[in-house]
Amino acid sequence: MSCRTQIWVFDNASTDDTAAIARAAGARVHRVPAKGKGNVVRTMFREVDADVYLMVDGDDTYPADHAPLLLEDIVNGHADMVVGTRLESHDSGSFRRFHGFGNRLVRWSIGSLFGQPVRDVLSGYRAFSRRFVKSMPVLSRGFEIETEMTVFAMANAFVLSERTVPYGVRPEGSVSKLNTFRDGFRVLRTIGFLFKDLRPLRFFGIAALIAALASLGFGAFVVHEFSLTGAVTHPSTAVLAAALALTAFILLATGLILDTVNRRSNEILRLITDHVVRHQSD
C-alpha cells in the first residue's frame, strides 16, 4: 500500500527565517497572521486534508523519530487521538518553574471533572484521525488549545491513547511565548467552560446541590427557631432559604434541558461528520 506524506509548516507571524528555511526544505508554508496557537490549529484543521495527521511544535523539543509510535494507533484504527506524553521522560531543564505543578493541576482537574485520567494534557506532539480533525470546532485562540482537544475527545467518545516520548530543551536562542500564570489561568478557565458546555447536567447539578444544602441549612435554623419560640424572628433567613430552594430547582431544570440539547447536538454532529468523512474518502 502506497502513501503520500505532506509536511506543512504554519508560520504564526514569526519574525525570523522559519518560513524561508521550511520552504527551502520542501515544506508547504502557510502563514497565519492571527497570533495564538489556537488560531493556528484552527487553520491547520481547516486547510489540511489527510487521512492521518501528525502535529508537532516547531521548537525542536520533540523527537521526530518517535512519530511512527504516535501514528501507529491512528493507522491501525485503535485511536482517534494519540498524545505524546512528556512527563515520564524529559531533561532537567525542559520545564520552567511551576510548569510541572501546573500540568499536574490541569491533569487532576480534567480527571476529576470528566472521569478519565490523563498523563499529559498540554503536550504539543499529537496524532489525529481524520474523523477527529473534521469533527472538532476549534474555539480556543491560545495555548489552551491542547486542553480543549483533550476534553473534546473525552466528551465525544473519541478514543484517546498516550505514548511516552522524550522531551528535550529548547535550542539556544529560542524563547517560549508561554506565560506561566496568564496562560495557566486561561487553561483552568477553559476547563471550567468546557465542563459547563459539555457536561451541563453535572455542572448545574453540582450547583443545584450546593444551593439545596444551603437552603436546608438556613431552613433548619428557621424551623428550629420556630419550634422553640413559636415565631419567626428572622424572616430574612426564611426568605433566603426559600430563594435558595427555588434556585436549586431552576439550576437542576437548566441542567436537564441543556443536557438534552447537548445530546441531540452531538448526535447531529456525529451524523454530519461521518457523512462528510465518508464523502471525502470516496
Protein backbone atom coordinates (compact mmCIF):
# COMPACT_ATOMS: atom_id res chain seq x y z
CA MET A 1 0.00 0.00 0.00
CA SER A 2 1.42 3.37 -1.03
CA CYS A 3 1.08 6.53 0.98
CA ARG A 4 1.82 10.16 0.32
CA THR A 5 3.19 12.42 3.02
CA GLN A 6 2.95 16.19 3.06
CA ILE A 7 4.75 18.45 5.51
CA TRP A 8 3.03 21.69 6.34
CA VAL A 9 4.60 24.49 8.36
CA PHE A 10 2.25 27.09 9.80
CA ASP A 11 4.03 30.39 10.29
CA ASN A 12 2.27 32.29 13.05
CA ALA A 13 3.56 35.78 12.24
CA SER A 14 7.16 34.83 13.05
CA THR A 15 9.89 37.42 12.60
CA ASP A 16 12.79 35.02 11.96
CA ASP A 17 13.71 32.85 8.96
CA THR A 18 11.42 29.93 9.89
CA ALA A 19 9.21 30.22 6.80
CA ALA A 20 12.12 30.59 4.38
CA ILE A 21 14.04 27.64 5.85
CA ALA A 22 10.96 25.43 5.83
CA ARG A 23 10.11 26.37 2.24
CA ALA A 24 13.67 25.69 1.12
CA ALA A 25 13.48 22.24 2.73
CA GLY A 26 10.38 21.38 0.68
CA ALA A 27 7.61 22.05 3.20
CA ARG A 28 4.38 23.79 2.33
CA VAL A 29 4.32 27.02 4.31
CA HIS A 30 1.02 28.59 5.32
CA ARG A 31 1.05 31.96 7.02
CA VAL A 32 -1.41 32.53 9.87
CA PRO A 33 -1.46 36.26 10.70
CA ALA A 34 -3.78 35.93 13.73
CA LYS A 35 -1.45 35.25 16.65
CA GLY A 36 -2.17 32.39 19.03
CA LYS A 37 -1.72 28.64 18.87
CA GLY A 38 -5.45 28.00 18.80
CA ASN A 39 -5.77 30.15 15.67
CA VAL A 40 -3.00 28.09 14.07
CA VAL A 41 -4.67 24.76 14.91
CA ARG A 42 -8.00 26.03 13.58
CA THR A 43 -6.30 26.88 10.28
CA MET A 44 -4.47 23.53 10.23
CA PHE A 45 -7.66 21.55 10.69
CA ARG A 46 -9.45 23.59 8.02
CA GLU A 47 -6.74 23.69 5.35
CA VAL A 48 -5.07 20.27 5.57
CA ASP A 49 -6.93 17.34 4.04
CA ALA A 50 -5.49 13.96 5.00
CA ASP A 51 -6.37 10.54 6.36
CA VAL A 52 -3.87 10.74 9.24
CA TYR A 53 -2.50 13.87 10.91
CA LEU A 54 0.62 14.46 12.99
CA MET A 55 1.06 17.76 14.82
CA VAL A 56 4.27 18.88 16.50
CA ASP A 57 5.54 22.17 17.91
CA GLY A 58 8.35 23.71 15.91
CA ASP A 59 10.70 24.31 18.84
CA ASP A 60 12.80 21.13 18.37
CA THR A 61 11.89 19.71 21.79
CA TYR A 62 10.04 16.65 20.47
CA PRO A 63 11.90 13.74 18.79
CA ALA A 64 11.00 13.21 15.14
CA ASP A 65 11.97 9.52 15.30
CA HIS A 66 9.01 8.86 17.63
CA ALA A 67 6.48 9.89 15.00
CA PRO A 68 5.76 6.27 13.92
CA LEU A 69 4.99 5.42 17.55
CA LEU A 70 2.30 8.11 17.70
CA LEU A 71 0.90 7.25 14.28
CA GLU A 72 0.63 3.52 14.93
CA ASP A 73 -2.69 3.57 16.81
CA ILE A 74 -4.23 6.00 14.31
CA VAL A 75 -3.20 4.00 11.25
CA ASN A 76 -4.45 0.76 12.81
CA GLY A 77 -7.77 2.34 13.78
CA HIS A 78 -7.21 1.89 17.52
CA ALA A 79 -7.40 5.58 18.47
CA ASP A 80 -8.68 8.95 17.26
CA MET A 81 -6.03 10.98 19.07
CA VAL A 82 -2.63 9.90 20.38
CA VAL A 83 -0.76 12.20 22.76
CA GLY A 84 2.99 12.09 23.18
CA THR A 85 3.36 12.38 26.96
CA ARG A 86 6.46 14.18 28.22
CA LEU A 87 6.35 13.97 32.00
CA GLU A 88 7.89 10.49 32.31
CA SER A 89 10.94 11.26 30.15
CA HIS A 90 12.36 14.77 30.00
CA ASP A 91 15.57 16.71 30.54
CA SER A 92 16.14 18.60 33.77
CA GLY A 93 15.76 21.96 32.02
CA SER A 94 12.77 21.06 29.85
CA PHE A 95 10.15 22.66 32.09
CA ARG A 96 10.21 26.10 33.62
CA ARG A 97 9.43 26.70 37.25
CA PHE A 98 5.81 25.90 38.21
CA HIS A 99 5.11 24.20 34.85
CA GLY A 100 5.25 20.74 36.39
CA PHE A 101 2.85 21.77 39.15
CA GLY A 102 0.55 23.43 36.62
CA ASN A 103 0.43 20.34 34.46
CA ARG A 104 -0.41 18.16 37.46
CA LEU A 105 -3.18 20.59 38.48
CA VAL A 106 -4.65 20.51 34.98
CA ARG A 107 -4.46 16.70 34.88
CA TRP A 108 -6.21 16.43 38.24
CA SER A 109 -8.92 18.89 37.20
CA ILE A 110 -9.73 17.07 33.98
CA GLY A 111 -9.58 13.64 35.60
CA SER A 112 -11.93 14.76 38.39
CA LEU A 113 -14.44 16.57 36.19
CA PHE A 114 -14.54 14.27 33.18
CA GLY A 115 -13.77 10.95 34.84
CA GLN A 116 -10.85 9.89 32.65
CA PRO A 117 -7.25 10.14 33.91
CA VAL A 118 -4.64 11.51 31.52
CA ARG A 119 -0.87 11.66 31.87
CA ASP A 120 -0.12 14.83 29.92
CA VAL A 121 -2.75 17.36 28.88
CA LEU A 122 -0.52 20.10 27.47
CA SER A 123 1.70 18.14 25.08
CA GLY A 124 2.13 19.63 21.60
CA TYR A 125 3.03 16.29 20.00
CA ARG A 126 -0.17 14.60 18.81
CA ALA A 127 -1.55 12.37 16.09
CA PHE A 128 -5.18 12.53 14.91
CA SER A 129 -7.62 10.59 12.82
CA ARG A 130 -9.48 12.30 10.01
CA ARG A 131 -12.76 11.87 11.89
CA PHE A 132 -11.44 13.76 14.90
CA VAL A 133 -10.00 16.65 12.88
CA LYS A 134 -13.16 17.14 10.84
CA SER A 135 -15.37 16.91 13.93
CA MET A 136 -13.69 19.37 16.24
CA PRO A 137 -14.78 23.02 16.18
CA VAL A 138 -11.66 24.76 17.49
CA LEU A 139 -12.79 27.55 19.82
CA SER A 140 -9.58 28.41 21.67
CA ARG A 141 -7.23 31.08 20.42
CA GLY A 142 -4.15 30.48 22.55
CA PHE A 143 -2.19 27.82 24.41
CA GLU A 144 -5.35 26.36 25.93
CA ILE A 145 -5.96 24.53 22.64
CA GLU A 146 -4.36 21.28 23.90
CA THR A 147 -6.76 21.25 26.84
CA GLU A 148 -9.71 21.81 24.50
CA MET A 149 -8.63 18.93 22.22
CA THR A 150 -8.23 16.55 25.17
CA VAL A 151 -11.59 17.42 26.72
CA PHE A 152 -13.36 17.35 23.34
CA ALA A 153 -12.06 13.81 22.75
CA MET A 154 -13.27 12.67 26.17
CA ALA A 155 -16.68 14.30 25.95
CA ASN A 156 -17.47 13.00 22.46
CA ALA A 157 -16.42 9.36 22.90
CA PHE A 158 -13.29 9.60 20.76
CA VAL A 159 -10.65 7.03 21.64
CA LEU A 160 -7.66 8.72 23.30
CA SER A 161 -4.33 6.99 23.84
CA GLU A 162 -0.96 8.16 25.16
CA ARG A 163 2.59 7.21 24.27
CA THR A 164 5.68 8.24 26.21
CA VAL A 165 8.15 10.36 24.26
CA PRO A 166 11.37 12.04 25.48
CA TYR A 167 11.13 15.80 25.86
CA GLY A 168 14.20 17.94 25.30
CA VAL A 169 15.21 21.54 25.93
CA ARG A 170 14.65 24.40 23.56
CA PRO A 171 17.61 25.32 21.32
CA GLU A 172 19.80 28.20 22.43
CA GLY A 173 18.25 31.49 21.43
CA SER A 174 14.72 30.05 21.28
CA VAL A 175 12.29 31.70 23.69
CA SER A 176 8.91 30.33 24.70
CA LYS A 177 5.93 32.66 24.32
CA LEU A 178 4.09 30.81 27.11
CA ASN A 179 3.28 32.94 30.15
CA THR A 180 3.11 30.66 33.19
CA PHE A 181 0.38 32.37 35.20
CA ARG A 182 -1.63 34.11 32.46
CA ASP A 183 -1.83 31.05 30.22
CA GLY A 184 -2.25 28.74 33.23
CA PHE A 185 -5.31 30.75 34.27
CA ARG A 186 -6.65 30.53 30.70
CA VAL A 187 -6.25 26.76 30.70
CA LEU A 188 -8.13 26.38 34.01
CA ARG A 189 -10.84 28.77 32.80
CA THR A 190 -11.16 26.74 29.60
CA ILE A 191 -11.62 23.55 31.64
CA GLY A 192 -14.43 25.21 33.61
CA PHE A 193 -16.23 26.48 30.50
CA LEU A 194 -15.85 23.13 28.72
CA PHE A 195 -17.20 21.33 31.77
CA LYS A 196 -20.26 23.61 31.73
CA ASP A 197 -20.77 23.23 27.97
CA LEU A 198 -20.05 19.51 27.60
CA ARG A 199 -21.31 18.19 30.95
CA PRO A 200 -24.18 20.59 31.72
CA LEU A 201 -26.19 18.19 33.89
CA ARG A 202 -23.23 17.51 36.15
CA PHE A 203 -22.20 21.18 36.26
CA PHE A 204 -25.65 22.55 37.09
CA GLY A 205 -26.40 19.51 39.23
CA ILE A 206 -23.45 20.33 41.50
CA ALA A 207 -24.57 23.96 41.69
CA ALA A 208 -28.13 22.82 42.48
CA LEU A 209 -26.88 20.52 45.24
CA ILE A 210 -24.89 23.36 46.83
CA ALA A 211 -27.93 25.64 46.72
CA ALA A 212 -30.17 22.90 48.13
CA LEU A 213 -27.82 22.18 51.02
CA ALA A 214 -27.56 25.88 51.81
CA SER A 215 -31.35 26.13 51.71
CA LEU A 216 -31.68 23.21 54.11
CA GLY A 217 -29.15 24.78 56.45
CA PHE A 218 -30.90 28.15 56.65
CA GLY A 219 -34.33 26.48 56.68
CA ALA A 220 -33.33 24.21 59.57
CA PHE A 221 -32.32 27.30 61.56
CA VAL A 222 -35.72 28.91 60.93
CA VAL A 223 -37.64 25.70 61.78
CA HIS A 224 -35.62 25.19 64.94
CA GLU A 225 -36.26 28.76 66.00
CA PHE A 226 -39.99 28.40 65.34
CA SER A 227 -40.18 25.15 67.30
CA LEU A 228 -38.69 26.87 70.35
CA THR A 229 -40.42 30.25 70.26
CA GLY A 230 -43.49 29.72 68.09
CA ALA A 231 -42.48 32.68 65.95
CA VAL A 232 -40.10 33.50 63.11
CA THR A 233 -37.89 36.33 64.32
CA HIS A 234 -35.56 36.19 61.33
CA PRO A 235 -37.86 36.47 58.28
CA SER A 236 -34.96 37.38 56.01
CA THR A 237 -33.38 33.99 56.76
CA ALA A 238 -36.65 32.24 55.85
CA VAL A 239 -36.84 34.19 52.59
CA LEU A 240 -33.23 33.30 51.83
CA ALA A 241 -33.90 29.60 52.45
CA ALA A 242 -36.92 29.68 50.12
CA ALA A 243 -34.96 31.57 47.45
CA LEU A 244 -32.10 29.06 47.60
CA ALA A 245 -34.55 26.16 47.28
CA LEU A 246 -36.11 27.79 44.20
CA THR A 247 -32.64 28.43 42.79
CA ALA A 248 -31.76 24.76 43.25
CA PHE A 249 -34.83 23.69 41.26
CA ILE A 250 -34.05 26.20 38.49
CA LEU A 251 -30.42 25.04 38.27
CA LEU A 252 -31.44 21.40 38.09
CA ALA A 253 -34.03 22.13 35.40
CA THR A 254 -31.45 24.12 33.44
CA GLY A 255 -29.01 21.22 33.60
CA LEU A 256 -31.63 18.72 32.41
CA ILE A 257 -32.67 20.92 29.48
CA LEU A 258 -29.13 21.70 28.38
CA ASP A 259 -28.11 18.06 28.72
CA THR A 260 -30.93 17.04 26.37
CA VAL A 261 -29.98 19.76 23.87
CA ASN A 262 -26.33 18.76 24.12
CA ARG A 263 -27.11 15.10 23.41
CA ARG A 264 -29.18 15.93 20.35
CA SER A 265 -26.49 18.31 19.08
CA ASN A 266 -23.82 15.64 19.49
CA GLU A 267 -25.92 13.14 17.58
CA ILE A 268 -26.37 15.58 14.70
CA LEU A 269 -22.66 16.48 14.73
CA ARG A 270 -21.63 12.83 14.54
CA LEU A 271 -24.03 12.09 11.69
CA ILE A 272 -22.81 15.09 9.70
CA THR A 273 -19.16 14.32 10.40
CA ASP A 274 -19.48 10.67 9.42
CA HIS A 275 -21.21 11.70 6.21
CA VAL A 276 -18.55 14.28 5.35
CA VAL A 277 -15.68 11.90 6.12
CA ARG A 278 -17.22 9.13 4.02
CA HIS A 279 -17.96 11.52 1.17
CA GLN A 280 -14.42 12.95 1.11
CA SER A 281 -12.86 9.49 1.35
CA ASP A 282 -14.75 8.19 -1.73
